Every structure is written in C-alpha cells, then in structure tokens.
Amino acid sequence: MAGLIAMRPGSRTRLCYRLRVHRGGKGEWCSLSENGCIHLVDSAHRLVKAPIVLVWARLGTHTSKVMQQLVAVRTWLTDFLLFAYAPELNPVEGVWSQCKRSLANLTAGTVGRLASLVRNRLKSLQYRPTTLDGFLAETGLSPP
C-alpha cells in the first residue's frame, strides 16, 4: 500500500492511496515501483488542482535516482525527506494504524478478500476528513 494525505486551505482533507496485491509469484514485483508511486502523486495533483509539497518517508523507492528524475520533471512538485525513522511525523501512519485496527480479528480467507477489505476501510476513511485532520494534528501539522 502507498498513500498520502492531501490538504489544501479552503478544501477538505483528502486521502489518496494505491493498493498492490502481491501473490508471491517468482520474479513478481512485491511493492509499488517508482512509477506506481509517482502515479499516486500525479493523481493527488489532479485532485487538489494545486502545486504539491510532498514529504516522503525514506523508502528506497522514494530516494532512488529514478524517483529523483520523475520528481525533477514535475515543476509543480516540491519534495522533502523525513528523518531515517520518524513515524510520529508521518500522518499516513495514522491511516495505516486505523486500517489495521479495523481488520483485527477478521479472517479474510483469501488474498483477494483481504485486498477488498483493505480497500473498503481506506475508502471509508476518504469520506472522513475530520479523522484525516486528526492524523495531521497528531504530527503537529495544522489541518487546513
């Protein structure tokens, strides 16, 4: 999963996410690639219709040369990296925590069913801007 919380003064806070199912196939890419991540950022840009200041966690995908090249061609995008490990500064950590808590003690049965449950939980968070504002406030950021 990859996600971001988009905030813009005068608009409601938004959640954008991508979910990729990895079924363990040999040679299969098991996480979002640089292209997958930048497509998420592009989607957020289309949604908020404004320049974006992006604060990345220090995943290899976020810091790679390929990602640096993809970011460089987007004049509307300014990016910064968090410290090596700083979940308390990342509002999306609240999203993942909430999603995981809502899935506790459920038996999905299949990977497809689990993906469906995760999408359902994330979709419901998309319609709860005050909850997203709370995740921002937990990091010390002011909601819009």
C-alpha atoms as a PDB file:
ATOM      1  CA  MET A   1       0.000   0.000   0.000  1.00  0.00           C
ATOM      2  CA  ALA A   2       1.024   3.555  -0.585  1.00  0.00           C
ATOM      3  CA  GLY A   3      -0.923   6.580   0.499  1.00  0.00           C
ATOM      4  CA  LEU A   4      -0.847  10.281   1.082  1.00  0.00           C
ATOM      5  CA  ILE A   5      -2.970  12.836   2.825  1.00  0.00           C
ATOM      6  CA  ALA A   6      -3.588  15.900   0.688  1.00  0.00           C
ATOM      7  CA  MET A   7      -4.581  19.150   2.337  1.00  0.00           C
ATOM      8  CA  ARG A   8      -5.312  22.472   0.765  1.00  0.00           C
ATOM      9  CA  PRO A   9      -6.518  25.593   2.589  1.00  0.00           C
ATOM     10  CA  GLY A  10     -10.226  26.084   1.998  1.00  0.00           C
ATOM     11  CA  SER A  11     -10.806  22.456   0.937  1.00  0.00           C
ATOM     12  CA  ARG A  12     -11.464  19.278   2.839  1.00  0.00           C
ATOM     13  CA  THR A  13      -8.551  16.992   3.631  1.00  0.00           C
ATOM     14  CA  ARG A  14      -8.230  14.079   1.189  1.00  0.00           C
ATOM     15  CA  LEU A  15      -6.770  10.588   1.278  1.00  0.00           C
ATOM     16  CA  CYS A  16      -5.202   9.161  -1.874  1.00  0.00           C
ATOM     17  CA  TYR A  17      -3.928   5.590  -1.924  1.00  0.00           C
ATOM     18  CA  ARG A  18      -2.830   2.695  -4.106  1.00  0.00           C
ATOM     19  CA  LEU A  19      -3.014  -0.960  -3.188  1.00  0.00           C
ATOM     20  CA  ARG A  20      -0.964  -3.612  -4.927  1.00  0.00           C
ATOM     21  CA  VAL A  21      -1.621  -7.301  -4.324  1.00  0.00           C
ATOM     22  CA  HIS A  22       1.483  -9.494  -4.263  1.00  0.00           C
ATOM     23  CA  ARG A  23       0.691 -13.162  -4.642  1.00  0.00           C
ATOM     24  CA  GLY A  24       4.269 -14.388  -4.192  1.00  0.00           C
ATOM     25  CA  GLY A  25       4.997 -15.251  -7.802  1.00  0.00           C
ATOM     26  CA  LYS A  26       8.641 -15.756  -8.732  1.00  0.00           C
ATOM     27  CA  GLY A  27      10.108 -12.550 -10.120  1.00  0.00           C
ATOM     28  CA  GLU A  28       6.929 -10.632  -9.312  1.00  0.00           C
ATOM     29  CA  TRP A  29       7.416  -7.063  -8.050  1.00  0.00           C
ATOM     30  CA  CYS A  30       6.090  -7.046  -4.491  1.00  0.00           C
ATOM     31  CA  SER A  31       5.700  -3.329  -3.836  1.00  0.00           C
ATOM     32  CA  LEU A  32       4.821  -0.187  -5.702  1.00  0.00           C
ATOM     33  CA  SER A  33       7.537   0.842  -8.104  1.00  0.00           C
ATOM     34  CA  GLU A  34       8.690   4.398  -8.637  1.00  0.00           C
ATOM     35  CA  ASN A  35       6.143   4.681 -11.456  1.00  0.00           C
ATOM     36  CA  GLY A  36       3.364   3.452  -9.168  1.00  0.00           C
ATOM     37  CA  CYS A  37       4.304   5.998  -6.511  1.00  0.00           C
ATOM     38  CA  ILE A  38       4.557   8.892  -8.954  1.00  0.00           C
ATOM     39  CA  HIS A  39       1.160   7.949 -10.433  1.00  0.00           C
ATOM     40  CA  LEU A  40      -0.254   8.320  -6.928  1.00  0.00           C
ATOM     41  CA  VAL A  41       1.324  11.785  -6.633  1.00  0.00           C
ATOM     42  CA  ASP A  42       0.021  12.720 -10.095  1.00  0.00           C
ATOM     43  CA  SER A  43      -3.482  11.638  -9.044  1.00  0.00           C
ATOM     44  CA  ALA A  44      -3.267  13.795  -5.929  1.00  0.00           C
ATOM     45  CA  HIS A  45      -2.165  16.739  -8.069  1.00  0.00           C
ATOM     46  CA  ARG A  46      -5.199  16.295 -10.346  1.00  0.00           C
ATOM     47  CA  LEU A  47      -7.430  16.044  -7.274  1.00  0.00           C
ATOM     48  CA  VAL A  48      -6.251  19.163  -5.451  1.00  0.00           C
ATOM     49  CA  LYS A  49      -5.526  21.195  -8.602  1.00  0.00           C
ATOM     50  CA  ALA A  50      -2.591  22.937  -6.930  1.00  0.00           C
ATOM     51  CA  PRO A  51       1.171  22.641  -6.515  1.00  0.00           C
ATOM     52  CA  ILE A  52       2.209  19.916  -4.076  1.00  0.00           C
ATOM     53  CA  VAL A  53       4.753  19.899  -1.293  1.00  0.00           C
ATOM     54  CA  LEU A  54       5.433  16.229  -0.631  1.00  0.00           C
ATOM     55  CA  VAL A  55       7.126  14.863   2.471  1.00  0.00           C
ATOM     56  CA  TRP A  56       8.425  11.361   1.839  1.00  0.00           C
ATOM     57  CA  ALA A  57       9.393   8.600   4.225  1.00  0.00           C
ATOM     58  CA  ARG A  58      12.872   7.271   3.414  1.00  0.00           C
ATOM     59  CA  LEU A  59      11.857   4.162   1.492  1.00  0.00           C
ATOM     60  CA  GLY A  60      14.239   3.068  -1.233  1.00  0.00           C
ATOM     61  CA  THR A  61      11.568   3.773  -3.846  1.00  0.00           C
ATOM     62  CA  HIS A  62      11.277   7.369  -2.609  1.00  0.00           C
ATOM     63  CA  THR A  63      15.016   8.039  -2.631  1.00  0.00           C
ATOM     64  CA  SER A  64      16.071   6.255  -5.831  1.00  0.00           C
ATOM     65  CA  LYS A  65      17.619   8.002  -8.820  1.00  0.00           C
ATOM     66  CA  VAL A  66      14.621   7.012 -10.922  1.00  0.00           C
ATOM     67  CA  MET A  67      12.301   8.773  -8.451  1.00  0.00           C
ATOM     68  CA  GLN A  68      14.545  11.840  -8.371  1.00  0.00           C
ATOM     69  CA  GLN A  69      14.252  12.028 -12.169  1.00  0.00           C
ATOM     70  CA  LEU A  70      10.467  11.606 -12.068  1.00  0.00           C
ATOM     71  CA  VAL A  71      10.153  14.360  -9.447  1.00  0.00           C
ATOM     72  CA  ALA A  72      12.510  16.716 -11.316  1.00  0.00           C
ATOM     73  CA  VAL A  73      10.236  16.946 -14.382  1.00  0.00           C
ATOM     74  CA  ARG A  74       7.203  17.906 -12.283  1.00  0.00           C
ATOM     75  CA  THR A  75       7.604  21.642 -11.755  1.00  0.00           C
ATOM     76  CA  TRP A  76       4.520  21.702  -9.512  1.00  0.00           C
ATOM     77  CA  LEU A  77       6.107  19.230  -7.075  1.00  0.00           C
ATOM     78  CA  THR A  78       8.497  20.070  -4.229  1.00  0.00           C
ATOM     79  CA  ASP A  79       9.681  17.154  -2.143  1.00  0.00           C
ATOM     80  CA  PHE A  80      11.406  16.689   1.207  1.00  0.00           C
ATOM     81  CA  LEU A  81      12.557  13.569   3.029  1.00  0.00           C
ATOM     82  CA  LEU A  82      11.700  12.713   6.618  1.00  0.00           C
ATOM     83  CA  PHE A  83      14.364  11.546   9.050  1.00  0.00           C
ATOM     84  CA  ALA A  84      15.505   7.932   8.741  1.00  0.00           C
ATOM     85  CA  TYR A  85      12.705   6.683  11.021  1.00  0.00           C
ATOM     86  CA  ALA A  86      10.069   9.203  12.010  1.00  0.00           C
ATOM     87  CA  PRO A  87       6.577   7.633  12.069  1.00  0.00           C
ATOM     88  CA  GLU A  88       5.432  10.280  14.567  1.00  0.00           C
ATOM     89  CA  LEU A  89       5.960  12.913  11.842  1.00  0.00           C
ATOM     90  CA  ASN A  90       4.101  11.000   9.136  1.00  0.00           C
ATOM     91  CA  PRO A  91       0.307  11.489   9.208  1.00  0.00           C
ATOM     92  CA  VAL A  92      -0.241   8.499   6.920  1.00  0.00           C
ATOM     93  CA  GLU A  93       0.965   6.251   9.760  1.00  0.00           C
ATOM     94  CA  GLY A  94      -2.354   7.072  11.445  1.00  0.00           C
ATOM     95  CA  VAL A  95      -4.199   5.863   8.356  1.00  0.00           C
ATOM     96  CA  TRP A  96      -2.344   2.540   8.372  1.00  0.00           C
ATOM     97  CA  SER A  97      -2.856   2.126  12.114  1.00  0.00           C
ATOM     98  CA  GLN A  98      -6.605   2.791  11.840  1.00  0.00           C
ATOM     99  CA  CYS A  99      -6.899   0.412   8.900  1.00  0.00           C
ATOM    100  CA  LYS A 100      -5.023  -2.375  10.708  1.00  0.00           C
ATOM    101  CA  ARG A 101      -7.096  -1.954  13.887  1.00  0.00           C
ATOM    102  CA  SER A 102     -10.319  -2.219  11.884  1.00  0.00           C
ATOM    103  CA  LEU A 103      -9.103  -5.504  10.386  1.00  0.00           C
ATOM    104  CA  ALA A 104      -8.099  -7.080  13.702  1.00  0.00           C
ATOM    105  CA  ASN A 105      -9.659 -10.481  14.381  1.00  0.00           C
ATOM    106  CA  LEU A 106     -11.100 -10.790  10.869  1.00  0.00           C
ATOM    107  CA  THR A 107     -10.471 -13.850   8.761  1.00  0.00           C
ATOM    108  CA  ALA A 108     -10.292 -12.857   5.117  1.00  0.00           C
ATOM    109  CA  GLY A 109      -9.814 -16.352   3.696  1.00  0.00           C
ATOM    110  CA  THR A 110      -8.076 -15.238   0.516  1.00  0.00           C
ATOM    111  CA  VAL A 111      -5.653 -12.531  -0.547  1.00  0.00           C
ATOM    112  CA  GLY A 112      -8.332 -11.112  -2.836  1.00  0.00           C
ATOM    113  CA  ARG A 113     -10.814 -10.855   0.033  1.00  0.00           C
ATOM    114  CA  LEU A 114      -8.187  -9.200   2.248  1.00  0.00           C
ATOM    115  CA  ALA A 115      -7.450  -6.654  -0.507  1.00  0.00           C
ATOM    116  CA  SER A 116     -11.181  -5.976  -0.770  1.00  0.00           C
ATOM    117  CA  LEU A 117     -11.463  -5.403   2.992  1.00  0.00           C
ATOM    118  CA  VAL A 118      -8.460  -3.049   2.983  1.00  0.00           C
ATOM    119  CA  ARG A 119      -9.901  -1.058   0.064  1.00  0.00           C
ATOM    120  CA  ASN A 120     -13.215  -0.827   1.917  1.00  0.00           C
ATOM    121  CA  ARG A 121     -11.522   0.537   5.057  1.00  0.00           C
ATOM    122  CA  LEU A 122      -9.439   3.046   3.107  1.00  0.00           C
ATOM    123  CA  LYS A 123     -12.462   4.154   1.073  1.00  0.00           C
ATOM    124  CA  SER A 124     -14.395   4.832   4.279  1.00  0.00           C
ATOM    125  CA  LEU A 125     -11.507   6.972   5.568  1.00  0.00           C
ATOM    126  CA  GLN A 126     -11.652   9.015   2.360  1.00  0.00           C
ATOM    127  CA  TYR A 127     -15.077  10.257   3.476  1.00  0.00           C
ATOM    128  CA  ARG A 128     -13.949  11.196   6.993  1.00  0.00           C
ATOM    129  CA  PRO A 129     -11.949  14.424   6.598  1.00  0.00           C
ATOM    130  CA  THR A 130     -12.111  15.173  10.332  1.00  0.00           C
ATOM    131  CA  THR A 131     -10.371  11.854  11.041  1.00  0.00           C
ATOM    132  CA  LEU A 132      -7.716  12.719   8.442  1.00  0.00           C
ATOM    133  CA  ASP A 133      -7.349  16.145  10.081  1.00  0.00           C
ATOM    134  CA  GLY A 134      -6.754  14.299  13.364  1.00  0.00           C
ATOM    135  CA  PHE A 135      -3.923  12.300  11.802  1.00  0.00           C
ATOM    136  CA  LEU A 136      -2.371  15.592  10.668  1.00  0.00           C
ATOM    137  CA  ALA A 137      -2.801  17.134  14.126  1.00  0.00           C
ATOM    138  CA  GLU A 138      -1.049  14.151  15.750  1.00  0.00           C
ATOM    139  CA  THR A 139       2.118  15.114  13.838  1.00  0.00           C
ATOM    140  CA  GLY A 140       1.897  18.775  14.861  1.00  0.00           C
ATOM    141  CA  LEU A 141       0.635  19.924  11.468  1.00  0.00           C
ATOM    142  CA  SER A 142      -2.345  22.250  11.326  1.00  0.00           C
ATOM    143  CA  PRO A 143      -5.268  20.965   9.268  1.00  0.00           C
ATOM    144  CA  PRO A 144      -6.445  23.340   6.533  1.00  0.00           C
END
